N, C-alpha and C. Protein backbone atom coordinates (compact mmCIF):
# COMPACT_ATOMS: atom_id res chain seq x y z
N MET A 1 0.95 -1.06 -0.05
CA MET A 1 -0.08 0.01 -0.17
C MET A 1 0.88 1.27 -0.15
N ARG A 2 1.83 1.27 0.89
CA ARG A 2 2.78 2.47 0.81
C ARG A 2 3.41 2.74 -0.59
N GLU A 3 3.83 1.54 -1.40
CA GLU A 3 4.13 1.58 -2.79
C GLU A 3 3.12 2.59 -3.66
N PHE A 4 1.94 1.96 -3.46
CA PHE A 4 1.01 2.73 -4.14
C PHE A 4 0.86 4.13 -4.10
N ALA A 5 0.68 4.31 -2.72
CA ALA A 5 0.67 5.61 -2.34
C ALA A 5 1.80 6.69 -2.80
N ALA A 6 3.06 6.21 -2.94
CA ALA A 6 4.06 6.83 -3.29
C ALA A 6 4.14 7.07 -4.87
N LEU A 7 3.71 6.00 -5.52
CA LEU A 7 3.33 6.19 -6.82
C LEU A 7 2.47 7.14 -7.39
N CYS A 8 1.41 7.34 -6.42
CA CYS A 8 0.56 8.11 -6.69
C CYS A 8 1.07 9.61 -6.42
N ARG A 9 1.70 9.92 -5.63
CA ARG A 9 2.51 11.21 -5.46
C ARG A 9 3.35 11.50 -6.57
N ILE A 10 4.15 10.51 -6.81
CA ILE A 10 5.28 10.87 -7.88
C ILE A 10 4.62 11.09 -9.34
N SER A 11 3.25 10.59 -9.54
CA SER A 11 2.60 10.85 -10.73
C SER A 11 2.06 12.17 -10.97
N SER A 12 1.94 12.95 -9.67
CA SER A 12 1.23 14.27 -9.68
C SER A 12 2.34 15.18 -10.25
N ARG A 13 3.66 14.74 -10.31
CA ARG A 13 4.70 15.55 -10.99
C ARG A 13 4.75 15.88 -12.49
N GLY A 14 3.98 14.72 -13.09
CA GLY A 14 3.99 15.03 -14.63
C GLY A 14 2.58 15.51 -15.11
N VAL A 15 2.36 16.54 -14.61
CA VAL A 15 0.80 16.97 -15.11
C VAL A 15 1.03 18.40 -15.94
N VAL A 16 2.27 18.88 -16.05
CA VAL A 16 2.26 20.21 -16.88
C VAL A 16 3.36 19.81 -18.17
N ALA A 17 2.51 20.26 -19.42
CA ALA A 17 3.02 19.70 -20.68
C ALA A 17 4.36 20.50 -20.81
N SER A 18 4.49 21.55 -20.49
CA SER A 18 5.64 22.41 -20.91
C SER A 18 7.04 21.98 -20.04
N ASP A 19 6.82 20.96 -18.91
CA ASP A 19 7.96 20.87 -18.13
C ASP A 19 8.45 19.58 -18.63
N SER A 20 9.90 19.77 -19.04
CA SER A 20 10.25 18.70 -19.73
C SER A 20 11.55 18.25 -18.78
N SER A 21 11.71 18.40 -17.34
CA SER A 21 12.68 18.00 -16.51
C SER A 21 12.63 16.51 -16.22
N GLU A 22 13.39 15.89 -15.63
CA GLU A 22 13.57 14.53 -15.27
C GLU A 22 12.47 14.03 -14.34
N ARG A 23 12.09 15.26 -13.42
CA ARG A 23 11.24 14.99 -12.12
C ARG A 23 9.66 14.91 -12.94
N ALA A 24 9.58 15.75 -13.97
CA ALA A 24 8.25 15.47 -14.47
C ALA A 24 8.15 14.32 -15.76
N ASP A 25 9.28 14.01 -16.06
CA ASP A 25 9.20 12.75 -17.00
C ASP A 25 8.97 11.50 -16.13
N THR A 26 9.48 11.54 -14.97
CA THR A 26 9.40 10.39 -13.79
C THR A 26 7.90 10.32 -13.57
N GLY A 27 7.17 11.35 -13.28
CA GLY A 27 5.65 11.57 -12.89
C GLY A 27 4.82 11.18 -14.18
N ARG A 28 5.22 11.17 -15.23
CA ARG A 28 4.29 10.86 -16.45
C ARG A 28 4.70 9.21 -16.72
N ARG A 29 5.88 8.87 -16.41
CA ARG A 29 5.98 7.22 -16.43
C ARG A 29 5.19 6.72 -15.21
N ALA A 30 5.06 7.28 -14.03
CA ALA A 30 4.40 6.73 -12.91
C ALA A 30 2.79 6.80 -13.41
N LYS A 31 2.38 7.95 -14.03
CA LYS A 31 0.89 7.94 -14.61
C LYS A 31 0.70 6.68 -15.70
N ASP A 32 1.51 6.45 -16.38
CA ASP A 32 1.71 5.50 -17.25
C ASP A 32 1.58 4.00 -16.33
N LEU A 33 2.24 3.80 -15.61
CA LEU A 33 2.17 2.66 -14.83
C LEU A 33 0.81 2.55 -14.10
N LEU A 34 0.43 3.65 -13.39
CA LEU A 34 -0.91 3.63 -12.94
C LEU A 34 -1.96 3.16 -13.87
N ASP A 35 -2.09 3.58 -14.95
CA ASP A 35 -3.05 3.40 -16.08
C ASP A 35 -2.88 1.86 -16.75
N GLU A 36 -1.90 1.69 -16.70
CA GLU A 36 -1.47 -0.03 -16.80
C GLU A 36 -2.37 -0.78 -15.84
N GLY A 37 -2.12 -0.35 -14.52
CA GLY A 37 -2.50 -1.29 -13.42
C GLY A 37 -3.93 -1.17 -13.59
N ARG A 38 -4.72 0.06 -13.92
CA ARG A 38 -6.09 -0.15 -14.10
C ARG A 38 -6.68 -0.96 -15.22
N LEU A 39 -6.00 -0.96 -16.29
CA LEU A 39 -6.36 -1.59 -17.42
C LEU A 39 -6.34 -3.17 -17.05
N ARG A 40 -5.43 -3.54 -16.41
CA ARG A 40 -4.96 -5.16 -15.83
C ARG A 40 -6.34 -5.16 -14.82
N PHE A 41 -6.58 -4.34 -13.82
CA PHE A 41 -7.51 -4.68 -12.89
C PHE A 41 -9.09 -4.96 -13.46
N LEU A 42 -9.30 -3.82 -14.57
CA LEU A 42 -10.64 -4.20 -15.22
C LEU A 42 -10.68 -5.37 -16.02
N ARG A 43 -9.65 -5.74 -16.80
CA ARG A 43 -9.58 -6.85 -17.72
C ARG A 43 -9.82 -7.99 -16.62
N SER A 44 -9.06 -7.98 -15.65
CA SER A 44 -9.15 -9.18 -14.60
C SER A 44 -10.61 -9.54 -14.12
N HIS A 45 -11.52 -8.29 -14.21
CA HIS A 45 -12.88 -8.38 -13.78
C HIS A 45 -13.78 -8.50 -14.72
N GLY A 46 -13.41 -9.04 -16.06
CA GLY A 46 -14.25 -9.30 -17.13
C GLY A 46 -14.41 -8.38 -17.85
N TYR A 47 -13.62 -7.13 -17.99
CA TYR A 47 -13.88 -5.89 -18.95
C TYR A 47 -12.94 -6.24 -20.07
N THR A 48 -13.54 -5.29 -21.31
CA THR A 48 -12.56 -5.40 -22.25
C THR A 48 -12.27 -3.79 -22.08
N ALA A 49 -10.84 -3.76 -22.16
CA ALA A 49 -10.34 -2.47 -21.55
C ALA A 49 -9.51 -1.88 -22.49
N ARG A 50 -9.30 -0.46 -22.89
CA ARG A 50 -8.07 0.17 -23.70
C ARG A 50 -7.93 1.58 -23.43
N LEU A 51 -6.71 1.87 -23.66
CA LEU A 51 -6.40 3.37 -23.28
C LEU A 51 -6.45 4.00 -24.64
N VAL A 52 -7.18 5.16 -24.61
CA VAL A 52 -7.29 5.90 -25.63
C VAL A 52 -6.63 7.56 -25.49
N THR A 53 -5.82 7.88 -26.20
CA THR A 53 -5.23 9.24 -26.33
C THR A 53 -6.26 10.18 -26.96
N TYR A 54 -6.69 11.13 -26.36
CA TYR A 54 -7.79 12.10 -26.95
C TYR A 54 -7.10 13.44 -27.36
N VAL A 55 -6.03 13.87 -26.87
CA VAL A 55 -5.45 14.94 -27.26
C VAL A 55 -4.07 14.79 -27.34
N GLU A 56 -3.53 15.77 -28.04
CA GLU A 56 -1.68 15.41 -27.99
C GLU A 56 -0.92 16.04 -26.66
N ALA A 57 -0.06 15.32 -26.20
CA ALA A 57 0.45 15.40 -25.13
C ALA A 57 1.04 17.10 -25.01
N ASP A 58 1.46 17.77 -25.99
CA ASP A 58 1.94 19.23 -25.82
C ASP A 58 0.82 19.89 -25.43
N VAL A 59 -0.45 19.26 -25.31
CA VAL A 59 -1.76 20.16 -25.20
C VAL A 59 -1.65 20.09 -23.43
N THR A 60 -1.81 18.73 -23.08
CA THR A 60 -1.67 18.47 -21.74
C THR A 60 -1.17 16.84 -21.44
N PRO A 61 -0.21 16.50 -20.58
CA PRO A 61 -0.10 15.12 -20.61
C PRO A 61 -1.41 14.35 -19.79
N GLU A 62 -2.47 15.06 -19.29
CA GLU A 62 -3.51 14.53 -18.85
C GLU A 62 -4.22 13.97 -19.84
N ASN A 63 -3.78 13.18 -20.72
CA ASN A 63 -4.85 13.03 -22.21
C ASN A 63 -4.95 11.61 -22.27
N VAL A 64 -5.00 10.61 -21.50
CA VAL A 64 -5.35 9.54 -21.70
C VAL A 64 -6.90 9.04 -20.99
N LEU A 65 -7.59 8.33 -21.58
CA LEU A 65 -9.00 7.95 -21.46
C LEU A 65 -8.95 6.35 -21.35
N ILE A 66 -9.55 5.98 -20.39
CA ILE A 66 -9.51 4.28 -20.27
C ILE A 66 -10.91 4.15 -20.80
N VAL A 67 -11.20 3.50 -21.84
CA VAL A 67 -12.60 2.87 -22.21
C VAL A 67 -12.69 1.30 -21.86
N ALA A 68 -13.80 1.14 -21.18
CA ALA A 68 -14.05 -0.28 -20.90
C ALA A 68 -15.44 -0.68 -21.05
N THR A 69 -15.65 -2.04 -21.37
CA THR A 69 -17.08 -2.24 -21.55
C THR A 69 -17.15 -3.80 -20.99
N ARG A 70 -18.15 -4.26 -20.65
CA ARG A 70 -18.51 -5.29 -19.81
C ARG A 70 -18.58 -6.40 -20.88
């Protein structure tokens, strides 16, 4: 549980599109890990799930939508 909380904290560093620092890159990678975990959770519970990028990352790195159906 501590690891998950730490990953959530780290992911908050990756929300500014214009930030190209190593810290922001680490935050964006943490977001990717969280999204992959969410996909796996949904799939393990009988959902068909995929990630959809709905706007370019230079607009916002908060640009991924999880689409799931039963």
